[in-house]
Amino acid sequence: QGTIATTIITIIMQYVMQQIGKGGFKGGLGKLTSVLSGLGTNLNAENPLVKQIQEKTGIEDSQKVTGYTQQAVDLIKQEAAANPEGIESLFKNALGDTVGDIEGEVKKGIVDRIKGLFR
């Protein structure tokens, strides 16, 4: 279960970073939060992020994937509010890294709080 959680968080981070774009993290937390807010409420099975997560995790139930994605986005939002430096450094570290490194950062950073998230 932990690996699915890590995969989902990693995909969301990559997606957010794509949305932030090539300017990188200059806008910092504000940019990050606005991308997350944009994701927050309109998630459904047709959302490109949900589709990507469904592909990568192999979970067939699209409603379950949507729910997991929503929970993960909410968790990152809560984390950004509670621990802005932590989330900012997580994203900054991840920006220049390969996927494996992002997963490593996610595991170090917030995986303790996501373990119980996906049942």
C-alpha atoms as a PDB file:
ATOM      1  CA  GLN A   1       0.000   0.000   0.000  1.00  0.00           C
ATOM      2  CA  GLY A   2       2.832   2.349   0.839  1.00  0.00           C
ATOM      3  CA  THR A   3       4.180   2.098  -2.677  1.00  0.00           C
ATOM      4  CA  ILE A   4       0.855   3.071  -4.251  1.00  0.00           C
ATOM      5  CA  ALA A   5       0.739   6.097  -1.955  1.00  0.00           C
ATOM      6  CA  THR A   6       4.288   7.049  -2.922  1.00  0.00           C
ATOM      7  CA  THR A   7       3.516   6.584  -6.617  1.00  0.00           C
ATOM      8  CA  ILE A   8       0.413   8.766  -6.401  1.00  0.00           C
ATOM      9  CA  ILE A   9       2.192  11.559  -4.500  1.00  0.00           C
ATOM     10  CA  THR A  10       5.123  11.383  -6.927  1.00  0.00           C
ATOM     11  CA  ILE A  11       2.855  11.649  -9.986  1.00  0.00           C
ATOM     12  CA  ILE A  12       1.004  14.590  -8.421  1.00  0.00           C
ATOM     13  CA  MET A  13       4.312  16.326  -7.722  1.00  0.00           C
ATOM     14  CA  GLN A  14       5.468  15.795 -11.293  1.00  0.00           C
ATOM     15  CA  TYR A  15       2.139  17.067 -12.577  1.00  0.00           C
ATOM     16  CA  VAL A  16       2.286  20.156 -10.364  1.00  0.00           C
ATOM     17  CA  MET A  17       5.837  20.845 -11.500  1.00  0.00           C
ATOM     18  CA  GLN A  18       4.763  20.595 -15.139  1.00  0.00           C
ATOM     19  CA  GLN A  19       1.996  23.089 -14.406  1.00  0.00           C
ATOM     20  CA  ILE A  20       4.425  25.428 -12.663  1.00  0.00           C
ATOM     21  CA  GLY A  21       6.470  25.197 -15.814  1.00  0.00           C
ATOM     22  CA  LYS A  22       9.985  25.987 -16.844  1.00  0.00           C
ATOM     23  CA  GLY A  23      10.223  29.050 -14.621  1.00  0.00           C
ATOM     24  CA  GLY A  24      10.784  26.546 -11.890  1.00  0.00           C
ATOM     25  CA  PHE A  25      10.089  27.367  -8.319  1.00  0.00           C
ATOM     26  CA  LYS A  26      10.672  31.108  -8.443  1.00  0.00           C
ATOM     27  CA  GLY A  27       7.052  31.783  -7.520  1.00  0.00           C
ATOM     28  CA  GLY A  28       7.578  29.424  -4.625  1.00  0.00           C
ATOM     29  CA  LEU A  29       4.737  28.307  -2.495  1.00  0.00           C
ATOM     30  CA  GLY A  30       2.188  30.686  -4.033  1.00  0.00           C
ATOM     31  CA  LYS A  31       2.456  29.019  -7.435  1.00  0.00           C
ATOM     32  CA  LEU A  32       2.391  25.588  -5.862  1.00  0.00           C
ATOM     33  CA  THR A  33      -0.686  26.359  -3.801  1.00  0.00           C
ATOM     34  CA  SER A  34      -2.582  27.808  -6.744  1.00  0.00           C
ATOM     35  CA  VAL A  35      -1.885  24.715  -8.869  1.00  0.00           C
ATOM     36  CA  LEU A  36      -3.031  22.490  -6.005  1.00  0.00           C
ATOM     37  CA  SER A  37      -6.143  24.591  -5.470  1.00  0.00           C
ATOM     38  CA  GLY A  38      -6.950  24.265  -9.153  1.00  0.00           C
ATOM     39  CA  LEU A  39      -6.744  20.508  -8.781  1.00  0.00           C
ATOM     40  CA  GLY A  40      -8.652  20.365  -5.575  1.00  0.00           C
ATOM     41  CA  THR A  41     -12.278  20.365  -6.479  1.00  0.00           C
ATOM     42  CA  ASN A  42     -12.772  19.244 -10.048  1.00  0.00           C
ATOM     43  CA  LEU A  43     -11.208  15.814  -9.945  1.00  0.00           C
ATOM     44  CA  ASN A  44     -13.000  13.068 -11.813  1.00  0.00           C
ATOM     45  CA  ALA A  45     -12.145  10.024 -13.915  1.00  0.00           C
ATOM     46  CA  GLU A  46     -11.636  12.242 -16.989  1.00  0.00           C
ATOM     47  CA  ASN A  47      -9.018  14.444 -15.313  1.00  0.00           C
ATOM     48  CA  PRO A  48      -5.615  13.906 -16.994  1.00  0.00           C
ATOM     49  CA  LEU A  49      -3.932  13.571 -13.613  1.00  0.00           C
ATOM     50  CA  VAL A  50      -6.401  10.899 -12.477  1.00  0.00           C
ATOM     51  CA  LYS A  51      -5.932   9.050 -15.781  1.00  0.00           C
ATOM     52  CA  GLN A  52      -2.164   9.174 -15.385  1.00  0.00           C
ATOM     53  CA  ILE A  53      -2.367   7.838 -11.833  1.00  0.00           C
ATOM     54  CA  GLN A  54      -4.743   5.094 -12.927  1.00  0.00           C
ATOM     55  CA  GLU A  55      -2.316   4.045 -15.666  1.00  0.00           C
ATOM     56  CA  LYS A  56       0.706   4.050 -13.378  1.00  0.00           C
ATOM     57  CA  THR A  57      -0.905   2.296 -10.415  1.00  0.00           C
ATOM     58  CA  GLY A  58      -2.951  -0.188 -12.422  1.00  0.00           C
ATOM     59  CA  ILE A  59      -5.986   0.356 -10.179  1.00  0.00           C
ATOM     60  CA  GLU A  60      -8.977  -0.431 -12.354  1.00  0.00           C
ATOM     61  CA  ASP A  61     -11.672   1.309 -10.352  1.00  0.00           C
ATOM     62  CA  SER A  62     -11.593   4.894 -11.606  1.00  0.00           C
ATOM     63  CA  GLN A  63     -13.678   6.147  -8.676  1.00  0.00           C
ATOM     64  CA  LYS A  64     -11.170   4.680  -6.259  1.00  0.00           C
ATOM     65  CA  VAL A  65      -8.321   6.337  -8.172  1.00  0.00           C
ATOM     66  CA  THR A  66     -10.178   9.661  -8.128  1.00  0.00           C
ATOM     67  CA  GLY A  67     -10.673   9.327  -4.361  1.00  0.00           C
ATOM     68  CA  TYR A  68      -7.010   8.465  -3.768  1.00  0.00           C
ATOM     69  CA  THR A  69      -5.919  11.381  -5.935  1.00  0.00           C
ATOM     70  CA  GLN A  70      -8.218  13.731  -4.044  1.00  0.00           C
ATOM     71  CA  GLN A  71      -6.878  12.520  -0.693  1.00  0.00           C
ATOM     72  CA  ALA A  72      -3.287  12.928  -1.844  1.00  0.00           C
ATOM     73  CA  VAL A  73      -3.894  16.440  -3.211  1.00  0.00           C
ATOM     74  CA  ASP A  74      -5.592  17.390   0.061  1.00  0.00           C
ATOM     75  CA  LEU A  75      -2.687  15.956   2.026  1.00  0.00           C
ATOM     76  CA  ILE A  76      -0.136  17.959   0.039  1.00  0.00           C
ATOM     77  CA  LYS A  77      -2.287  21.081   0.511  1.00  0.00           C
ATOM     78  CA  GLN A  78      -2.504  20.511   4.274  1.00  0.00           C
ATOM     79  CA  GLU A  79       1.218  19.882   4.363  1.00  0.00           C
ATOM     80  CA  ALA A  80       1.877  23.089   2.409  1.00  0.00           C
ATOM     81  CA  ALA A  81      -0.200  25.017   4.940  1.00  0.00           C
ATOM     82  CA  ALA A  82       1.293  23.353   8.012  1.00  0.00           C
ATOM     83  CA  ASN A  83       4.869  22.982   6.833  1.00  0.00           C
ATOM     84  CA  PRO A  84       5.527  25.364   3.930  1.00  0.00           C
ATOM     85  CA  GLU A  85       9.321  25.052   4.144  1.00  0.00           C
ATOM     86  CA  GLY A  86       9.118  21.270   4.091  1.00  0.00           C
ATOM     87  CA  ILE A  87       6.874  21.152   1.035  1.00  0.00           C
ATOM     88  CA  GLU A  88       8.864  23.840  -0.712  1.00  0.00           C
ATOM     89  CA  SER A  89      12.133  21.989  -0.197  1.00  0.00           C
ATOM     90  CA  LEU A  90      10.485  18.713  -1.231  1.00  0.00           C
ATOM     91  CA  PHE A  91       9.456  20.293  -4.531  1.00  0.00           C
ATOM     92  CA  LYS A  92      12.733  22.168  -4.968  1.00  0.00           C
ATOM     93  CA  ASN A  93      14.710  18.979  -4.456  1.00  0.00           C
ATOM     94  CA  ALA A  94      12.414  17.133  -6.801  1.00  0.00           C
ATOM     95  CA  LEU A  95      12.565  19.752  -9.556  1.00  0.00           C
ATOM     96  CA  GLY A  96      15.998  18.857 -10.790  1.00  0.00           C
ATOM     97  CA  ASP A  97      15.759  15.175 -10.049  1.00  0.00           C
ATOM     98  CA  THR A  98      14.812  12.040 -11.862  1.00  0.00           C
ATOM     99  CA  VAL A  99      11.678  10.133 -10.959  1.00  0.00           C
ATOM    100  CA  GLY A 100      13.559   7.754  -8.655  1.00  0.00           C
ATOM    101  CA  ASP A 101      14.980  10.671  -6.721  1.00  0.00           C
ATOM    102  CA  ILE A 102      11.556  12.268  -6.403  1.00  0.00           C
ATOM    103  CA  GLU A 103      10.232   9.045  -4.923  1.00  0.00           C
ATOM    104  CA  GLY A 104      13.143   9.037  -2.500  1.00  0.00           C
ATOM    105  CA  GLU A 105      12.367  12.603  -1.454  1.00  0.00           C
ATOM    106  CA  VAL A 106       8.667  11.786  -1.076  1.00  0.00           C
ATOM    107  CA  LYS A 107       9.466   8.756   1.041  1.00  0.00           C
ATOM    108  CA  LYS A 108      11.747  10.804   3.273  1.00  0.00           C
ATOM    109  CA  GLY A 109       9.440  13.774   3.357  1.00  0.00           C
ATOM    110  CA  ILE A 110       5.816  12.878   3.833  1.00  0.00           C
ATOM    111  CA  VAL A 111       5.341   9.169   3.401  1.00  0.00           C
ATOM    112  CA  ASP A 112       4.744   8.637   7.128  1.00  0.00           C
ATOM    113  CA  ARG A 113       1.658  10.778   6.824  1.00  0.00           C
ATOM    114  CA  ILE A 114       0.420   9.078   3.676  1.00  0.00           C
ATOM    115  CA  LYS A 115       0.798   5.466   4.772  1.00  0.00           C
ATOM    116  CA  GLY A 116      -2.596   5.385   6.433  1.00  0.00           C
ATOM    117  CA  LEU A 117      -4.249   7.347   3.664  1.00  0.00           C
ATOM    118  CA  PHE A 118      -4.982   4.663   1.088  1.00  0.00           C
ATOM    119  CA  ARG A 119      -6.922   1.609   2.138  1.00  0.00           C
END
